[in-house]
Amino acid sequence: MRKDTVNKVLITADLVLTGRADQEIRDGAVLVDAGVITAVGTAAELEATVDPGVRRLRCPGSTVLPGLIDCHVHLAFDAGPDPVRAVTEAAPDELAAGMADRAGALLGAGVTTVRDLGDRDALTIALRASIASGKTAGPRILAATAPLTPPGGHCGFLGGGVTTDDDIRRQIARNAAAGADLIKVMASGGALTPGGPRMWESQFTRAQLRLIVEEAARHGLAVAAHAHGTAAIADCVDAGVRTLEHCSWRTADGVTYDPEITRRIIENDIAVCRCISGDWQLFLQQLGPARAESMARVIRDMREAGVRFIAGTDAGVPGARFGDYVGMLEFFASLGFTPADILDMATVNAARALGLTDTGALRPGLRADLLVVDGNPLHELAALRRVRHVFMNGRHASV
């Protein structure tokens, strides 16, 4: 075999989805060379131009699409009933090993990029490096490290407690120095932290959130905001965060949706990560019919208004398993989102929201992050569960 063909592979399949899910090539092919996509087209075109010595990976009955992106995970959490105890009581080596295992489960499910939105001791940074070097199998990681929260606030056990403006500046500087790819702020309370504020209660003032966004930008970082409360959502939008996590419109009286805030979300090009895990059917049962319908109606209203949703599982919190990415996508299908809409949430829209210009599509010059599944996910999302091959930065993962 010629030296210049050693790192190349030509992948052919019945269907290639190149970017937005409505951009498809029947009987298509993708040429990968040393971690980069170098050609995309019909199988006939590429077969005629690619050296016969290049390795062929023929996948009849399959679809090739961009690797999936999970915009909201917590690799330090174990998805068990008490992730707080599991994180705080685990030895560093034990926790790091568990995080590596969970990263492998994500890759096996076809997820080639994840955004980790809160860990302990910046362990995601070491795992990120291990994956990038090829030592550990897993997706590319964008790490937030310790999320900003008031002392005793939501996820305060992760070590990002801040009170004053100077505390905020110092914590952002620590995260940046550790190698964080973004800053996470807990703008409202949450259900995970014992004794913490309620989900609808704001944890920071509007001025503090603006300071967080400005200080993060000074370090070249964007901000993802955990925001359940309607007031917290409004403050985050005004502050200029990049993404809203959860965005469930909670108030003391229930759900209070505000179309004017939604208009500003769209106007400011803020993406919404609704953070639904694969156990969503049980979650809806626990909510009860009235509250479940209220939640569904708000998501439909946001979609109709033009909100850009991105895909995230909150993997690691109780019941949110790392290998069940597709379960989250099926929730959106139950609300009437089309398969094409959903695939865009998981690929091209997610990449744009995360500021990634080298993935989320199959185009010459981009990273070779791609997934091969049996069947056609435009006809049935369940095809995404039938993972045949995963390539992460050109490396072929065992699945």
Protein backbone atom coordinates (compact mmCIF):
# COMPACT_ATOMS: atom_id res chain seq x y z
CA MET A 1 0.00 0.00 0.00
CA ARG A 2 1.32 3.45 -0.90
CA LYS A 3 2.37 5.63 2.05
CA ASP A 4 -0.11 8.39 1.13
CA THR A 5 -3.06 5.98 1.40
CA VAL A 6 -2.31 4.54 4.86
CA ASN A 7 -4.41 7.05 6.85
CA LYS A 8 -7.25 7.28 4.35
CA VAL A 9 -10.60 5.53 4.36
CA LEU A 10 -13.49 5.87 1.91
CA ILE A 11 -16.86 5.29 3.58
CA THR A 12 -19.82 4.53 1.35
CA ALA A 13 -23.48 4.18 2.34
CA ASP A 14 -27.00 4.37 0.97
CA LEU A 15 -27.38 7.89 2.37
CA VAL A 16 -25.02 10.68 3.49
CA LEU A 17 -26.41 13.62 5.49
CA THR A 18 -23.90 16.38 4.96
CA GLY A 19 -25.05 19.27 7.13
CA ARG A 20 -28.60 20.28 7.79
CA ALA A 21 -30.61 17.10 7.66
CA ASP A 22 -32.36 18.15 4.43
CA GLN A 23 -29.00 18.13 2.65
CA GLU A 24 -28.57 14.52 1.62
CA ILE A 25 -26.66 12.49 -0.92
CA ARG A 26 -28.13 9.19 -2.07
CA ASP A 27 -25.56 6.43 -2.59
CA GLY A 28 -23.02 8.76 -1.05
CA ALA A 29 -19.47 8.59 0.21
CA VAL A 30 -17.09 10.40 2.59
CA LEU A 31 -13.31 10.33 2.29
CA VAL A 32 -11.37 10.67 5.55
CA ASP A 33 -7.65 11.37 5.68
CA ALA A 34 -5.68 11.70 8.94
CA GLY A 35 -8.59 12.98 10.98
CA VAL A 36 -10.01 15.36 8.37
CA ILE A 37 -12.81 15.03 5.84
CA THR A 38 -11.26 15.58 2.42
CA ALA A 39 -14.15 14.80 0.06
CA VAL A 40 -17.91 14.25 0.14
CA GLY A 41 -20.03 13.21 -2.83
CA THR A 42 -21.69 10.31 -4.55
CA ALA A 43 -20.03 6.93 -4.24
CA ALA A 44 -19.61 6.80 -8.00
CA GLU A 45 -17.79 10.16 -8.07
CA LEU A 46 -15.40 9.34 -5.25
CA GLU A 47 -14.74 5.75 -6.31
CA ALA A 48 -13.65 7.10 -9.70
CA THR A 49 -11.15 9.54 -8.23
CA VAL A 50 -9.82 7.86 -5.07
CA ASP A 51 -6.71 5.68 -5.33
CA PRO A 52 -7.54 1.94 -5.44
CA GLY A 53 -5.16 1.40 -2.51
CA VAL A 54 -7.30 3.47 -0.15
CA ARG A 55 -9.18 1.35 2.38
CA ARG A 56 -12.90 1.01 1.67
CA LEU A 57 -15.56 0.81 4.36
CA ARG A 58 -18.76 -0.18 2.59
CA CYS A 59 -21.97 0.17 4.61
CA PRO A 60 -24.99 -0.95 2.57
CA GLY A 61 -28.35 -0.17 4.15
CA SER A 62 -26.78 2.57 6.28
CA THR A 63 -26.64 6.33 6.73
CA VAL A 64 -23.53 8.44 7.36
CA LEU A 65 -24.13 11.64 9.33
CA PRO A 66 -22.15 14.07 11.47
CA GLY A 67 -21.20 12.84 14.93
CA LEU A 68 -23.80 13.76 17.53
CA ILE A 69 -23.24 16.56 20.04
CA ASP A 70 -24.49 16.44 23.64
CA CYS A 71 -24.54 20.04 24.82
CA HIS A 72 -25.17 19.29 28.51
CA VAL A 73 -23.55 16.47 30.48
CA HIS A 74 -21.93 15.99 33.89
CA LEU A 75 -19.26 13.32 33.56
CA ALA A 76 -18.53 13.51 37.29
CA PHE A 77 -22.08 12.36 38.12
CA ASP A 78 -22.93 8.67 37.94
CA ALA A 79 -26.68 8.87 37.01
CA GLY A 80 -27.46 7.03 40.25
CA PRO A 81 -29.95 8.06 42.94
CA ASP A 82 -27.42 10.16 44.89
CA PRO A 83 -24.87 11.71 42.50
CA VAL A 84 -23.95 14.38 45.07
CA ARG A 85 -22.63 11.76 47.49
CA ALA A 86 -21.00 9.86 44.62
CA VAL A 87 -19.06 12.99 43.61
CA THR A 88 -18.14 14.34 47.01
CA GLU A 89 -17.08 11.06 48.60
CA ALA A 90 -15.19 9.47 45.70
CA ALA A 91 -11.39 9.50 45.70
CA PRO A 92 -9.97 11.49 42.77
CA ASP A 93 -8.61 8.39 40.99
CA GLU A 94 -11.91 6.56 41.42
CA LEU A 95 -13.91 9.52 40.14
CA ALA A 96 -11.57 10.00 37.17
CA ALA A 97 -11.91 6.33 36.21
CA GLY A 98 -15.70 6.54 36.35
CA MET A 99 -15.66 9.66 34.21
CA ALA A 100 -13.53 7.88 31.59
CA ASP A 101 -15.97 4.97 31.50
CA ARG A 102 -18.90 7.33 31.05
CA ALA A 103 -17.09 9.15 28.25
CA GLY A 104 -16.66 5.81 26.50
CA ALA A 105 -20.39 5.11 26.80
CA LEU A 106 -21.16 8.44 25.13
CA LEU A 107 -18.82 7.72 22.24
CA GLY A 108 -20.35 4.28 21.80
CA ALA A 109 -23.75 5.94 21.41
CA GLY A 110 -22.44 8.06 18.53
CA VAL A 111 -21.70 11.22 20.53
CA THR A 112 -18.43 12.74 19.32
CA THR A 113 -18.56 16.07 21.20
CA VAL A 114 -19.86 16.86 24.69
CA ARG A 115 -20.09 20.01 26.74
CA ASP A 116 -19.49 19.19 30.40
CA LEU A 117 -21.25 21.80 32.52
CA GLY A 118 -19.85 21.19 35.96
CA ASP A 119 -17.32 18.85 37.54
CA ARG A 120 -15.08 18.56 40.59
CA ASP A 121 -11.41 19.57 40.74
CA ALA A 122 -11.33 20.27 36.98
CA LEU A 123 -11.07 16.52 36.34
CA THR A 124 -12.63 17.01 32.90
CA ILE A 125 -9.51 18.90 31.83
CA ALA A 126 -7.26 15.87 32.40
CA LEU A 127 -9.81 13.59 30.73
CA ARG A 128 -10.06 15.98 27.79
CA ALA A 129 -6.30 15.75 27.29
CA SER A 130 -6.30 11.96 27.59
CA ILE A 131 -9.01 11.65 24.95
CA ALA A 132 -7.30 14.13 22.63
CA SER A 133 -4.05 12.13 22.84
CA GLY A 134 -5.83 8.88 21.97
CA LYS A 135 -5.04 7.28 25.32
CA THR A 136 -8.70 7.20 26.37
CA ALA A 137 -11.72 6.51 24.16
CA GLY A 138 -14.30 9.25 24.36
CA PRO A 139 -15.80 12.30 22.66
CA ARG A 140 -14.16 15.70 22.45
CA ILE A 141 -14.91 17.58 25.69
CA LEU A 142 -15.73 21.24 26.14
CA ALA A 143 -15.31 21.78 29.89
CA ALA A 144 -16.83 24.39 32.17
CA THR A 145 -15.07 23.07 35.32
CA ALA A 146 -16.61 24.50 38.55
CA PRO A 147 -19.90 26.33 37.94
CA LEU A 148 -20.40 29.70 39.60
CA THR A 149 -23.00 29.59 42.37
CA PRO A 150 -23.53 31.27 45.75
CA PRO A 151 -22.16 29.45 48.84
CA GLY A 152 -24.66 26.69 49.59
CA GLY A 153 -26.29 27.30 46.23
CA HIS A 154 -27.16 24.85 43.50
CA CYS A 155 -24.17 22.52 42.92
CA GLY A 156 -22.08 24.42 45.44
CA PHE A 157 -20.46 21.08 46.33
CA LEU A 158 -18.47 21.37 43.08
CA GLY A 159 -16.41 24.21 44.53
CA GLY A 160 -17.50 27.27 42.54
CA GLY A 161 -19.04 29.27 45.38
CA VAL A 162 -18.90 33.08 44.97
CA THR A 163 -20.37 35.99 46.92
CA THR A 164 -18.78 39.29 45.92
CA ASP A 165 -17.83 40.76 42.55
CA ASP A 166 -14.18 40.05 43.34
CA ASP A 167 -15.11 36.41 44.10
CA ILE A 168 -16.70 36.20 40.68
CA ARG A 169 -13.61 37.60 38.98
CA ARG A 170 -11.29 35.25 40.88
CA GLN A 171 -13.38 32.13 40.18
CA ILE A 172 -13.61 32.88 36.47
CA ALA A 173 -9.85 33.45 36.41
CA ARG A 174 -9.28 30.11 38.20
CA ASN A 175 -11.50 28.28 35.74
CA ALA A 176 -9.76 29.92 32.79
CA ALA A 177 -6.33 29.10 34.19
CA ALA A 178 -7.38 25.48 34.66
CA GLY A 179 -8.25 25.31 30.95
CA ALA A 180 -12.02 25.85 30.92
CA ASP A 181 -13.63 26.19 27.49
CA LEU A 182 -16.57 28.19 28.85
CA ILE A 183 -18.10 29.48 32.07
CA LYS A 184 -21.20 27.96 33.63
CA VAL A 185 -23.37 29.98 36.02
CA MET A 186 -26.19 28.64 38.15
CA ALA A 187 -28.54 31.58 37.64
CA SER A 188 -31.38 29.86 39.49
CA GLY A 189 -31.84 27.05 41.96
CA GLY A 190 -32.20 23.39 41.03
CA ALA A 191 -33.60 20.11 42.27
CA LEU A 192 -30.29 18.28 42.74
CA THR A 193 -28.80 20.18 45.70
CA PRO A 194 -30.17 19.37 49.17
CA GLY A 195 -31.13 22.54 51.03
CA GLY A 196 -30.43 24.77 48.05
CA PRO A 197 -32.71 27.43 46.57
CA ARG A 198 -35.85 26.35 44.78
CA MET A 199 -35.73 25.94 41.03
CA TRP A 200 -37.55 29.20 40.34
CA GLU A 201 -35.47 31.31 42.73
CA SER A 202 -32.75 33.55 41.26
CA GLN A 203 -29.27 33.11 42.69
CA PHE A 204 -27.62 36.19 41.11
CA THR A 205 -28.70 39.74 40.37
CA ARG A 206 -28.87 41.03 36.83
CA ALA A 207 -25.78 43.15 37.49
CA GLN A 208 -23.85 40.11 38.72
CA LEU A 209 -24.81 38.12 35.64
CA ARG A 210 -23.63 40.97 33.42
CA LEU A 211 -20.34 40.98 35.31
CA ILE A 212 -20.00 37.22 34.79
CA VAL A 213 -20.58 37.56 31.04
CA GLU A 214 -18.18 40.50 30.76
CA GLU A 215 -15.47 38.86 32.85
CA ALA A 216 -15.80 35.58 30.95
CA ALA A 217 -15.49 37.47 27.67
CA ARG A 218 -12.29 39.11 28.97
CA HIS A 219 -10.86 35.57 29.13
CA GLY A 220 -12.26 34.71 25.70
CA LEU A 221 -15.04 32.52 27.10
CA ALA A 222 -18.80 32.35 26.57
CA VAL A 223 -21.35 31.70 29.33
CA ALA A 224 -23.90 28.91 29.68
CA ALA A 225 -26.62 29.69 32.22
CA HIS A 226 -28.61 27.18 34.26
CA ALA A 227 -31.93 29.04 34.42
CA HIS A 228 -35.23 27.51 35.47
CA GLY A 229 -36.90 30.63 36.86
CA THR A 230 -38.69 33.06 34.55
CA ALA A 231 -36.98 36.01 36.27
CA ALA A 232 -33.57 34.34 36.00
CA ILE A 233 -34.16 33.65 32.29
CA ALA A 234 -34.95 37.33 31.70
CA ASP A 235 -31.83 38.44 33.57
CA CYS A 236 -29.63 35.99 31.65
CA VAL A 237 -30.96 37.22 28.33
CA ASP A 238 -30.23 40.81 29.30
CA ALA A 239 -26.75 39.81 30.50
CA GLY A 240 -25.86 38.23 27.14
CA VAL A 241 -25.31 34.56 27.89
CA ARG A 242 -24.60 32.22 24.96
CA THR A 243 -26.98 29.41 25.93
CA LEU A 244 -29.86 28.90 28.34
CA GLU A 245 -29.91 25.51 30.07
CA HIS A 246 -33.32 24.06 31.07
CA CYS A 247 -35.28 27.30 30.44
CA SER A 248 -38.40 25.88 32.10
CA TRP A 249 -40.10 29.19 32.99
CA ARG A 250 -40.70 28.41 36.67
CA THR A 251 -42.28 30.79 39.17
CA ALA A 252 -43.61 30.31 42.69
CA ASP A 253 -47.04 29.77 41.10
CA GLY A 254 -46.02 27.21 38.48
CA VAL A 255 -45.01 27.86 34.86
CA THR A 256 -45.14 31.45 33.62
CA TYR A 257 -44.12 31.74 29.99
CA ASP A 258 -43.23 35.19 28.65
CA PRO A 259 -43.36 35.65 24.84
CA GLU A 260 -41.51 38.99 25.12
CA ILE A 261 -38.51 37.30 26.75
CA THR A 262 -38.68 34.64 24.04
CA ARG A 263 -38.57 37.39 21.40
CA ARG A 264 -35.36 38.67 22.98
CA ILE A 265 -33.89 35.15 23.15
CA ILE A 266 -34.36 34.90 19.39
CA GLU A 267 -33.21 38.46 18.71
CA ASN A 268 -30.00 37.87 20.68
CA ASP A 269 -29.36 34.51 18.99
CA ILE A 270 -29.34 32.62 22.29
CA ALA A 271 -29.72 28.85 21.97
CA VAL A 272 -31.88 26.86 24.39
CA CYS A 273 -30.76 23.48 25.70
CA ARG A 274 -33.91 21.98 27.20
CA CYS A 275 -31.96 19.15 28.90
CA ILE A 276 -34.25 16.15 28.57
CA SER A 277 -32.93 12.71 29.47
CA GLY A 278 -33.97 9.32 28.16
CA ASP A 279 -36.27 8.72 31.14
CA TRP A 280 -38.59 11.54 30.06
CA GLN A 281 -41.70 9.34 30.06
CA LEU A 282 -41.25 8.59 33.77
CA PHE A 283 -40.54 12.27 34.37
CA LEU A 284 -43.81 13.27 32.68
CA GLN A 285 -45.71 10.72 34.74
CA GLN A 286 -44.25 12.20 37.91
CA LEU A 287 -45.25 15.70 36.81
CA GLY A 288 -48.84 14.66 36.24
CA PRO A 289 -50.97 15.33 33.13
CA ALA A 290 -51.62 19.03 33.71
CA ARG A 291 -48.02 20.04 34.46
CA ALA A 292 -46.69 17.79 31.70
CA GLU A 293 -48.98 19.40 29.16
CA SER A 294 -47.99 22.86 30.39
CA MET A 295 -44.31 22.02 29.85
CA ALA A 296 -44.99 20.60 26.38
CA ARG A 297 -47.08 23.61 25.39
CA VAL A 298 -44.31 26.04 26.34
CA ILE A 299 -41.74 24.14 24.26
CA ARG A 300 -44.11 24.13 21.29
CA ASP A 301 -44.74 27.87 21.71
CA MET A 302 -41.00 28.56 21.80
CA ARG A 303 -40.43 26.44 18.71
CA GLU A 304 -43.25 28.18 16.83
CA ALA A 305 -41.75 31.56 17.78
CA GLY A 306 -38.42 30.51 16.27
CA VAL A 307 -36.25 29.57 19.26
CA ARG A 308 -33.15 27.60 18.27
CA PHE A 309 -33.08 24.43 20.37
CA ILE A 310 -29.95 22.36 20.87
CA ALA A 311 -29.67 18.81 22.16
CA GLY A 312 -28.57 17.96 25.70
CA THR A 313 -29.32 15.09 28.06
CA ASP A 314 -28.08 16.34 31.47
CA ALA A 315 -26.41 12.91 31.57
CA GLY A 316 -25.21 12.06 35.05
CA VAL A 317 -28.15 13.35 37.07
CA PRO A 318 -30.46 10.64 38.49
CA GLY A 319 -31.87 8.49 35.69
CA ALA A 320 -30.05 10.34 32.89
CA ARG A 321 -27.93 7.53 31.48
CA PHE A 322 -24.86 8.24 29.39
CA GLY A 323 -25.65 5.68 26.68
CA ASP A 324 -29.23 6.82 26.02
CA TYR A 325 -28.76 9.96 23.94
CA VAL A 326 -31.48 8.96 21.49
CA GLY A 327 -34.08 8.78 24.26
CA MET A 328 -33.77 12.55 24.63
CA LEU A 329 -34.31 13.07 20.91
CA GLU A 330 -37.44 10.93 21.01
CA PHE A 331 -38.96 13.35 23.54
CA PHE A 332 -38.87 16.11 20.95
CA ALA A 333 -40.37 13.75 18.38
CA SER A 334 -43.28 13.21 20.78
CA LEU A 335 -43.92 16.98 20.67
CA GLY A 336 -44.12 17.05 16.88
CA PHE A 337 -40.55 18.03 15.97
CA THR A 338 -39.62 16.39 12.67
CA PRO A 339 -36.65 14.00 12.45
CA ALA A 340 -34.83 16.60 10.32
CA ASP A 341 -35.39 19.29 12.97
CA ILE A 342 -34.14 16.94 15.67
CA LEU A 343 -31.02 15.88 13.78
CA ASP A 344 -30.17 19.55 13.24
CA MET A 345 -30.51 20.15 17.00
CA ALA A 346 -28.00 17.37 17.58
CA THR A 347 -25.46 18.40 14.94
CA VAL A 348 -25.26 21.67 13.00
CA ASN A 349 -27.30 23.80 15.45
CA ALA A 350 -25.41 22.44 18.43
CA ALA A 351 -22.04 23.14 16.82
CA ARG A 352 -23.06 26.71 16.04
CA ALA A 353 -24.28 27.34 19.59
CA LEU A 354 -21.07 25.97 21.07
CA GLY A 355 -18.95 28.13 18.80
CA LEU A 356 -17.50 25.13 16.93
CA THR A 357 -16.65 25.71 13.28
CA ASP A 358 -14.86 22.40 12.67
CA THR A 359 -17.64 19.88 13.34
CA GLY A 360 -21.42 19.39 13.13
CA ALA A 361 -21.39 18.78 9.37
CA LEU A 362 -19.68 16.61 6.74
CA ARG A 363 -17.66 18.99 4.61
CA PRO A 364 -14.10 18.99 3.27
CA GLY A 365 -11.74 20.52 5.81
CA LEU A 366 -13.81 19.67 8.89
CA ARG A 367 -12.85 17.18 11.59
CA ALA A 368 -13.77 13.61 10.72
CA ASP A 369 -16.43 13.31 13.42
CA LEU A 370 -19.03 11.05 11.92
CA LEU A 371 -21.49 8.31 12.66
CA VAL A 372 -22.71 5.36 10.57
CA VAL A 373 -26.06 3.83 11.54
CA ASP A 374 -28.18 1.08 10.03
CA GLY A 375 -31.32 2.51 8.45
CA ASN A 376 -32.44 6.05 7.78
CA PRO A 377 -32.86 8.37 10.81
CA LEU A 378 -34.91 10.76 8.68
CA HIS A 379 -37.57 8.04 8.58
CA GLU A 380 -37.10 6.70 12.12
CA LEU A 381 -35.00 8.18 14.90
CA ALA A 382 -34.57 4.67 16.29
CA ALA A 383 -32.02 4.11 13.51
CA LEU A 384 -29.63 6.20 15.63
CA ARG A 385 -29.63 3.38 18.19
CA ARG A 386 -28.25 0.98 15.57
CA VAL A 387 -24.73 2.34 15.62
CA ARG A 388 -22.46 0.63 13.12
CA HIS A 389 -19.34 2.82 13.15
CA VAL A 390 -18.18 5.93 14.99
CA PHE A 391 -15.27 8.11 13.92
CA MET A 392 -13.98 10.77 16.31
CA ASN A 393 -11.39 13.06 14.75
CA GLY A 394 -10.74 10.32 12.22
CA ARG A 395 -10.18 7.59 14.82
CA HIS A 396 -12.42 4.59 14.35
CA ALA A 397 -13.99 3.71 17.70
CA SER A 398 -15.00 0.16 18.58
CA VAL A 399 -18.75 -0.10 19.14
